[in-house]
Amino acid sequence: SNDLKKDGSQFLLDWLISIRERGLVK
């Protein structure tokens, strides 16, 4: 979870949300 507290973590969060929206993960 520390990866969500680093500089630029919004890139990670946005990507995670996108893979769910695209159906790659539920």
PDB file of all heavy atoms in Angstrom:
ATOM      1  N   SER A   1       0.826  -1.209   0.000  1.00  0.00           N
ATOM      2  CA  SER A   1       0.000   0.000   0.000  1.00  0.00           C
ATOM      3  C   SER A   1       0.860   1.259   0.000  1.00  0.00           C
ATOM      4  O   SER A   1       0.387   2.346  -0.337  1.00  0.00           O
ATOM      5  CB  SER A   1      -0.915   0.004   1.224  1.00  0.00           C
ATOM      6  OG  SER A   1      -0.152   0.009   2.424  1.00  0.00           O
ATOM      7  N   ASN A   2       2.144   1.122   0.355  1.00  0.00           N
ATOM      8  CA  ASN A   2       3.049   2.268   0.359  1.00  0.00           C
ATOM      9  C   ASN A   2       3.210   2.864  -1.037  1.00  0.00           C
ATOM     10  O   ASN A   2       3.533   4.050  -1.188  1.00  0.00           O
ATOM     11  CB  ASN A   2       4.420   1.846   0.893  1.00  0.00           C
ATOM     12  CG  ASN A   2       5.350   3.021   1.129  1.00  0.00           C
ATOM     13  OD1 ASN A   2       4.988   3.974   1.808  1.00  0.00           O
ATOM     14  ND2 ASN A   2       6.545   2.968   0.552  1.00  0.00           N
ATOM     15  N   ASP A   3       2.956   2.055  -2.071  1.00  0.00           N
ATOM     16  CA  ASP A   3       3.048   2.566  -3.439  1.00  0.00           C
ATOM     17  C   ASP A   3       1.998   3.642  -3.705  1.00  0.00           C
ATOM     18  O   ASP A   3       2.165   4.450  -4.627  1.00  0.00           O
ATOM     19  CB  ASP A   3       2.906   1.424  -4.447  1.00  0.00           C
ATOM     20  CG  ASP A   3       4.162   0.575  -4.540  1.00  0.00           C
ATOM     21  OD1 ASP A   3       5.261   1.101  -4.275  1.00  0.00           O
ATOM     22  OD2 ASP A   3       4.055  -0.620  -4.869  1.00  0.00           O
ATOM     23  N   LEU A   4       0.932   3.645  -2.921  1.00  0.00           N
ATOM     24  CA  LEU A   4      -0.102   4.677  -3.081  1.00  0.00           C
ATOM     25  C   LEU A   4       0.245   5.960  -2.340  1.00  0.00           C
ATOM     26  O   LEU A   4      -0.525   6.923  -2.367  1.00  0.00           O
ATOM     27  CB  LEU A   4      -1.452   4.152  -2.572  1.00  0.00           C
ATOM     28  CG  LEU A   4      -2.123   3.075  -3.433  1.00  0.00           C
ATOM     29  CD1 LEU A   4      -3.352   2.531  -2.724  1.00  0.00           C
ATOM     30  CD2 LEU A   4      -2.502   3.635  -4.801  1.00  0.00           C
ATOM     31  N   LYS A   5       1.390   5.972  -1.658  1.00  0.00           N
ATOM     32  CA  LYS A   5       1.797   7.145  -0.888  1.00  0.00           C
ATOM     33  C   LYS A   5       3.041   7.817  -1.471  1.00  0.00           C
ATOM     34  O   LYS A   5       3.587   8.744  -0.879  1.00  0.00           O
ATOM     35  CB  LYS A   5       2.046   6.726   0.567  1.00  0.00           C
ATOM     36  CG  LYS A   5       0.828   6.087   1.216  1.00  0.00           C
ATOM     37  CD  LYS A   5       1.118   5.529   2.596  1.00  0.00           C
ATOM     38  CE  LYS A   5      -0.087   4.790   3.159  1.00  0.00           C
ATOM     39  NZ  LYS A   5       0.150   4.210   4.499  1.00  0.00           N
ATOM     40  N   LYS A   6       3.478   7.352  -2.646  1.00  0.00           N
ATOM     41  CA  LYS A   6       4.648   7.921  -3.301  1.00  0.00           C
ATOM     42  C   LYS A   6       4.257   9.076  -4.211  1.00  0.00           C
ATOM     43  O   LYS A   6       3.097   9.196  -4.619  1.00  0.00           O
ATOM     44  CB  LYS A   6       5.356   6.840  -4.121  1.00  0.00           C
ATOM     45  CG  LYS A   6       5.927   5.697  -3.309  1.00  0.00           C
ATOM     46  CD  LYS A   6       6.535   4.634  -4.201  1.00  0.00           C
ATOM     47  CE  LYS A   6       7.144   3.489  -3.394  1.00  0.00           C
ATOM     48  NZ  LYS A   6       7.694   2.426  -4.274  1.00  0.00           N
ATOM     49  N   ASP A   7       5.214   9.923  -4.549  1.00  0.00           N
ATOM     50  CA  ASP A   7       4.975  10.968  -5.538  1.00  0.00           C
ATOM     51  C   ASP A   7       4.562  10.312  -6.845  1.00  0.00           C
ATOM     52  O   ASP A   7       5.168   9.321  -7.282  1.00  0.00           O
ATOM     53  CB  ASP A   7       6.243  11.800  -5.758  1.00  0.00           C
ATOM     54  CG  ASP A   7       6.583  12.681  -4.565  1.00  0.00           C
ATOM     55  OD1 ASP A   7       5.689  12.916  -3.732  1.00  0.00           O
ATOM     56  OD2 ASP A   7       7.754  13.116  -4.463  1.00  0.00           O
ATOM     57  N   GLY A   8       3.535  10.856  -7.463  1.00  0.00           N
ATOM     58  CA  GLY A   8       3.050  10.299  -8.720  1.00  0.00           C
ATOM     59  C   GLY A   8       2.135   9.099  -8.546  1.00  0.00           C
ATOM     60  O   GLY A   8       1.826   8.411  -9.524  1.00  0.00           O
ATOM     61  N   SER A   9       1.701   8.851  -7.317  1.00  0.00           N
ATOM     62  CA  SER A   9       0.846   7.683  -7.070  1.00  0.00           C
ATOM     63  C   SER A   9      -0.490   7.784  -7.806  1.00  0.00           C
ATOM     64  O   SER A   9      -1.152   6.755  -8.019  1.00  0.00           O
ATOM     65  CB  SER A   9       0.600   7.515  -5.571  1.00  0.00           C
ATOM     66  OG  SER A   9      -0.069   8.644  -5.024  1.00  0.00           O
ATOM     67  N   GLN A  10      -0.876   8.996  -8.213  1.00  0.00           N
ATOM     68  CA  GLN A  10      -2.134   9.141  -8.944  1.00  0.00           C
ATOM     69  C   GLN A  10      -2.076   8.396 -10.270  1.00  0.00           C
ATOM     70  O   GLN A  10      -3.102   7.881 -10.744  1.00  0.00           O
ATOM     71  CB  GLN A  10      -2.438  10.624  -9.189  1.00  0.00           C
ATOM     72  CG  GLN A  10      -3.859  10.890  -9.672  1.00  0.00           C
ATOM     73  CD  GLN A  10      -4.924  10.477  -8.663  1.00  0.00           C
ATOM     74  OE1 GLN A  10      -4.786  10.716  -7.467  1.00  0.00           O
ATOM     75  NE2 GLN A  10      -6.001   9.856  -9.148  1.00  0.00           N
ATOM     76  N   PHE A  11      -0.878   8.306 -10.864  1.00  0.00           N
ATOM     77  CA  PHE A  11      -0.731   7.524 -12.095  1.00  0.00           C
ATOM     78  C   PHE A  11      -1.096   6.055 -11.835  1.00  0.00           C
ATOM     79  O   PHE A  11      -1.772   5.421 -12.637  1.00  0.00           O
ATOM     80  CB  PHE A  11       0.705   7.611 -12.623  1.00  0.00           C
ATOM     81  CG  PHE A  11       1.083   8.944 -13.176  1.00  0.00           C
ATOM     82  CD1 PHE A  11       2.078   9.700 -12.585  1.00  0.00           C
ATOM     83  CD2 PHE A  11       0.448   9.451 -14.311  1.00  0.00           C
ATOM     84  CE1 PHE A  11       2.435  10.937 -13.097  1.00  0.00           C
ATOM     85  CE2 PHE A  11       0.798  10.693 -14.831  1.00  0.00           C
ATOM     86  CZ  PHE A  11       1.795  11.438 -14.217  1.00  0.00           C
ATOM     87  N   LEU A  12      -0.620   5.541 -10.702  1.00  0.00           N
ATOM     88  CA  LEU A  12      -0.901   4.150 -10.339  1.00  0.00           C
ATOM     89  C   LEU A  12      -2.382   3.953 -10.069  1.00  0.00           C
ATOM     90  O   LEU A  12      -3.000   2.997 -10.565  1.00  0.00           O
ATOM     91  CB  LEU A  12      -0.078   3.748  -9.119  1.00  0.00           C
ATOM     92  CG  LEU A  12      -0.347   2.356  -8.542  1.00  0.00           C
ATOM     93  CD1 LEU A  12      -0.126   1.267  -9.590  1.00  0.00           C
ATOM     94  CD2 LEU A  12       0.515   2.097  -7.306  1.00  0.00           C
ATOM     95  N   LEU A  13      -2.959   4.844  -9.282  1.00  0.00           N
ATOM     96  CA  LEU A  13      -4.371   4.717  -8.940  1.00  0.00           C
ATOM     97  C   LEU A  13      -5.252   4.814 -10.182  1.00  0.00           C
ATOM     98  O   LEU A  13      -6.183   4.009 -10.370  1.00  0.00           O
ATOM     99  CB  LEU A  13      -4.769   5.791  -7.931  1.00  0.00           C
ATOM    100  CG  LEU A  13      -6.226   5.766  -7.458  1.00  0.00           C
ATOM    101  CD1 LEU A  13      -6.564   4.432  -6.815  1.00  0.00           C
ATOM    102  CD2 LEU A  13      -6.486   6.911  -6.482  1.00  0.00           C
ATOM    103  N   ASP A  14      -4.964   5.778 -11.050  1.00  0.00           N
ATOM    104  CA  ASP A  14      -5.754   5.928 -12.279  1.00  0.00           C
ATOM    105  C   ASP A  14      -5.653   4.683 -13.145  1.00  0.00           C
ATOM    106  O   ASP A  14      -6.640   4.243 -13.752  1.00  0.00           O
ATOM    107  CB  ASP A  14      -5.269   7.148 -13.074  1.00  0.00           C
ATOM    108  CG  ASP A  14      -5.651   8.461 -12.414  1.00  0.00           C
ATOM    109  OD1 ASP A  14      -6.491   8.446 -11.484  1.00  0.00           O
ATOM    110  OD2 ASP A  14      -5.093   9.511 -12.807  1.00  0.00           O
ATOM    111  N   TRP A  15      -4.449   4.081 -13.212  1.00  0.00           N
ATOM    112  CA  TRP A  15      -4.271   2.868 -14.026  1.00  0.00           C
ATOM    113  C   TRP A  15      -5.058   1.708 -13.429  1.00  0.00           C
ATOM    114  O   TRP A  15      -5.717   0.954 -14.156  1.00  0.00           O
ATOM    115  CB  TRP A  15      -2.788   2.509 -14.114  1.00  0.00           C
ATOM    116  CG  TRP A  15      -2.562   1.232 -14.865  1.00  0.00           C
ATOM    117  CD1 TRP A  15      -2.681   1.024 -16.211  1.00  0.00           C
ATOM    118  CD2 TRP A  15      -2.197  -0.031 -14.285  1.00  0.00           C
ATOM    119  NE1 TRP A  15      -2.416  -0.292 -16.516  1.00  0.00           N
ATOM    120  CE2 TRP A  15      -2.102  -0.965 -15.359  1.00  0.00           C
ATOM    121  CE3 TRP A  15      -1.922  -0.465 -12.993  1.00  0.00           C
ATOM    122  CZ2 TRP A  15      -1.770  -2.301 -15.159  1.00  0.00           C
ATOM    123  CZ3 TRP A  15      -1.585  -1.793 -12.787  1.00  0.00           C
ATOM    124  CH2 TRP A  15      -1.511  -2.695 -13.861  1.00  0.00           C
ATOM    125  N   LEU A  16      -5.014   1.559 -12.106  1.00  0.00           N
ATOM    126  CA  LEU A  16      -5.763   0.483 -11.461  1.00  0.00           C
ATOM    127  C   LEU A  16      -7.261   0.614 -11.726  1.00  0.00           C
ATOM    128  O   LEU A  16      -7.945  -0.362 -12.039  1.00  0.00           O
ATOM    129  CB  LEU A  16      -5.499   0.489  -9.954  1.00  0.00           C
ATOM    130  CG  LEU A  16      -4.106   0.044  -9.503  1.00  0.00           C
ATOM    131  CD1 LEU A  16      -3.920   0.339  -8.012  1.00  0.00           C
ATOM    132  CD2 LEU A  16      -3.893  -1.437  -9.782  1.00  0.00           C
ATOM    133  N   ILE A  17      -7.759   1.826 -11.614  1.00  0.00           N
ATOM    134  CA  ILE A  17      -9.181   2.060 -11.879  1.00  0.00           C
ATOM    135  C   ILE A  17      -9.502   1.743 -13.335  1.00  0.00           C
ATOM    136  O   ILE A  17     -10.546   1.155 -13.652  1.00  0.00           O
ATOM    137  CB  ILE A  17      -9.556   3.511 -11.529  1.00  0.00           C
ATOM    138  CG1 ILE A  17      -9.464   3.730 -10.003  1.00  0.00           C
ATOM    139  CG2 ILE A  17     -10.958   3.850 -12.030  1.00  0.00           C
ATOM    140  CD1 ILE A  17      -9.629   5.170  -9.573  1.00  0.00           C
ATOM    141  N   SER A  18      -8.568   2.082 -14.234  1.00  0.00           N
ATOM    142  CA  SER A  18      -8.819   1.870 -15.662  1.00  0.00           C
ATOM    143  C   SER A  18      -8.858   0.389 -16.024  1.00  0.00           C
ATOM    144  O   SER A  18      -9.659  -0.020 -16.877  1.00  0.00           O
ATOM    145  CB  SER A  18      -7.753   2.576 -16.509  1.00  0.00           C
ATOM    146  OG  SER A  18      -6.543   1.832 -16.565  1.00  0.00           O
ATOM    147  N   ILE A  19      -8.010  -0.436 -15.396  1.00  0.00           N
ATOM    148  CA  ILE A  19      -8.020  -1.862 -15.762  1.00  0.00           C
ATOM    149  C   ILE A  19      -9.308  -2.527 -15.278  1.00  0.00           C
ATOM    150  O   ILE A  19      -9.762  -3.515 -15.857  1.00  0.00           O
ATOM    151  CB  ILE A  19      -6.775  -2.617 -15.230  1.00  0.00           C
ATOM    152  CG1 ILE A  19      -6.696  -2.585 -13.703  1.00  0.00           C
ATOM    153  CG2 ILE A  19      -5.514  -2.059 -15.869  1.00  0.00           C
ATOM    154  CD1 ILE A  19      -5.533  -3.406 -13.126  1.00  0.00           C
ATOM    155  N   ARG A  20      -9.885  -1.981 -14.231  1.00  0.00           N
ATOM    156  CA  ARG A  20     -11.192  -2.481 -13.785  1.00  0.00           C
ATOM    157  C   ARG A  20     -12.285  -2.026 -14.750  1.00  0.00           C
ATOM    158  O   ARG A  20     -13.151  -2.819 -15.138  1.00  0.00           O
ATOM    159  CB  ARG A  20     -11.488  -1.995 -12.374  1.00  0.00           C
ATOM    160  CG  ARG A  20     -12.839  -2.458 -11.843  1.00  0.00           C
ATOM    161  CD  ARG A  20     -13.039  -2.105 -10.387  1.00  0.00           C
ATOM    162  NE  ARG A  20     -14.359  -2.489  -9.948  1.00  0.00           N
ATOM    163  CZ  ARG A  20     -15.340  -1.644  -9.647  1.00  0.00           C
ATOM    164  NH1 ARG A  20     -15.144  -0.346  -9.709  1.00  0.00           N
ATOM    165  NH2 ARG A  20     -16.524  -2.090  -9.265  1.00  0.00           N
ATOM    166  N   GLU A  21     -12.232  -0.772 -15.158  1.00  0.00           N
ATOM    167  CA  GLU A  21     -13.238  -0.244 -16.074  1.00  0.00           C
ATOM    168  C   GLU A  21     -13.179  -0.937 -17.431  1.00  0.00           C
ATOM    169  O   GLU A  21     -14.208  -1.105 -18.100  1.00  0.00           O
ATOM    170  CB  GLU A  21     -13.045   1.264 -16.247  1.00  0.00           C
ATOM    171  CG  GLU A  21     -13.386   2.067 -14.991  1.00  0.00           C
ATOM    172  CD  GLU A  21     -13.083   3.542 -15.130  1.00  0.00           C
ATOM    173  OE1 GLU A  21     -12.301   3.905 -16.055  1.00  0.00           O
ATOM    174  OE2 GLU A  21     -13.605   4.338 -14.325  1.00  0.00           O
ATOM    175  N   ARG A  22     -11.976  -1.374 -17.822  1.00  0.00           N
ATOM    176  CA  ARG A  22     -11.802  -2.050 -19.114  1.00  0.00           C
ATOM    177  C   ARG A  22     -12.067  -3.552 -19.039  1.00  0.00           C
ATOM    178  O   ARG A  22     -11.962  -4.264 -20.035  1.00  0.00           O
ATOM    179  CB  ARG A  22     -10.391  -1.795 -19.648  1.00  0.00           C
ATOM    180  CG  ARG A  22     -10.179  -0.388 -20.168  1.00  0.00           C
ATOM    181  CD  ARG A  22      -8.770  -0.213 -20.705  1.00  0.00           C
ATOM    182  NE  ARG A  22      -7.774  -0.083 -19.638  1.00  0.00           N
ATOM    183  CZ  ARG A  22      -6.554  -0.594 -19.693  1.00  0.00           C
ATOM    184  NH1 ARG A  22      -6.177  -1.314 -20.738  1.00  0.00           N
ATOM    185  NH2 ARG A  22      -5.702  -0.414 -18.702  1.00  0.00           N
ATOM    186  N   GLY A  23     -12.360  -4.051 -17.830  1.00  0.00           N
ATOM    187  CA  GLY A  23     -12.709  -5.459 -17.678  1.00  0.00           C
ATOM    188  C   GLY A  23     -11.537  -6.415 -17.609  1.00  0.00           C
ATOM    189  O   GLY A  23     -11.730  -7.629 -17.677  1.00  0.00           O
ATOM    190  N   LEU A  24     -10.308  -5.896 -17.466  1.00  0.00           N
ATOM    191  CA  LEU A  24      -9.149  -6.777 -17.316  1.00  0.00           C
ATOM    192  C   LEU A  24      -9.156  -7.427 -15.933  1.00  0.00           C
ATOM    193  O   LEU A  24      -8.627  -8.524 -15.753  1.00  0.00           O
ATOM    194  CB  LEU A  24      -7.846  -6.002 -17.530  1.00  0.00           C
ATOM    195  CG  LEU A  24      -7.642  -5.435 -18.937  1.00  0.00           C
ATOM    196  CD1 LEU A  24      -6.354  -4.615 -19.009  1.00  0.00           C
ATOM    197  CD2 LEU A  24      -7.606  -6.558 -19.969  1.00  0.00           C
ATOM    198  N   VAL A  25      -9.735  -6.735 -14.957  1.00  0.00           N
ATOM    199  CA  VAL A  25      -9.927  -7.279 -13.612  1.00  0.00           C
ATOM    200  C   VAL A  25     -11.334  -6.909 -13.148  1.00  0.00           C
ATOM    201  O   VAL A  25     -11.903  -5.910 -13.582  1.00  0.00           O
ATOM    202  CB  VAL A  25      -8.870  -6.731 -12.609  1.00  0.00           C
ATOM    203  CG1 VAL A  25      -7.459  -7.002 -13.095  1.00  0.00           C
ATOM    204  CG2 VAL A  25      -9.073  -5.248 -12.344  1.00  0.00           C
ATOM    205  N   LYS A  26     -11.893  -7.749 -12.288  1.00  0.00           N
ATOM    206  CA  LYS A  26     -13.211  -7.445 -11.735  1.00  0.00           C
ATOM    207  C   LYS A  26     -13.109  -6.472 -10.571  1.00  0.00           C
ATOM    208  O   LYS A  26     -13.945  -5.577 -10.414  1.00  0.00           O
ATOM    209  CB  LYS A  26     -13.901  -8.722 -11.258  1.00  0.00           C
ATOM    210  CG  LYS A  26     -14.466  -9.602 -12.354  1.00  0.00           C
ATOM    211  CD  LYS A  26     -15.224 -10.773 -11.745  1.00  0.00           C
ATOM    212  CE  LYS A  26     -15.795 -11.689 -12.815  1.00  0.00           C
ATOM    213  NZ  LYS A  26     -16.519 -12.844 -12.212  1.00  0.00           N
TER     214      LYS A  26
END
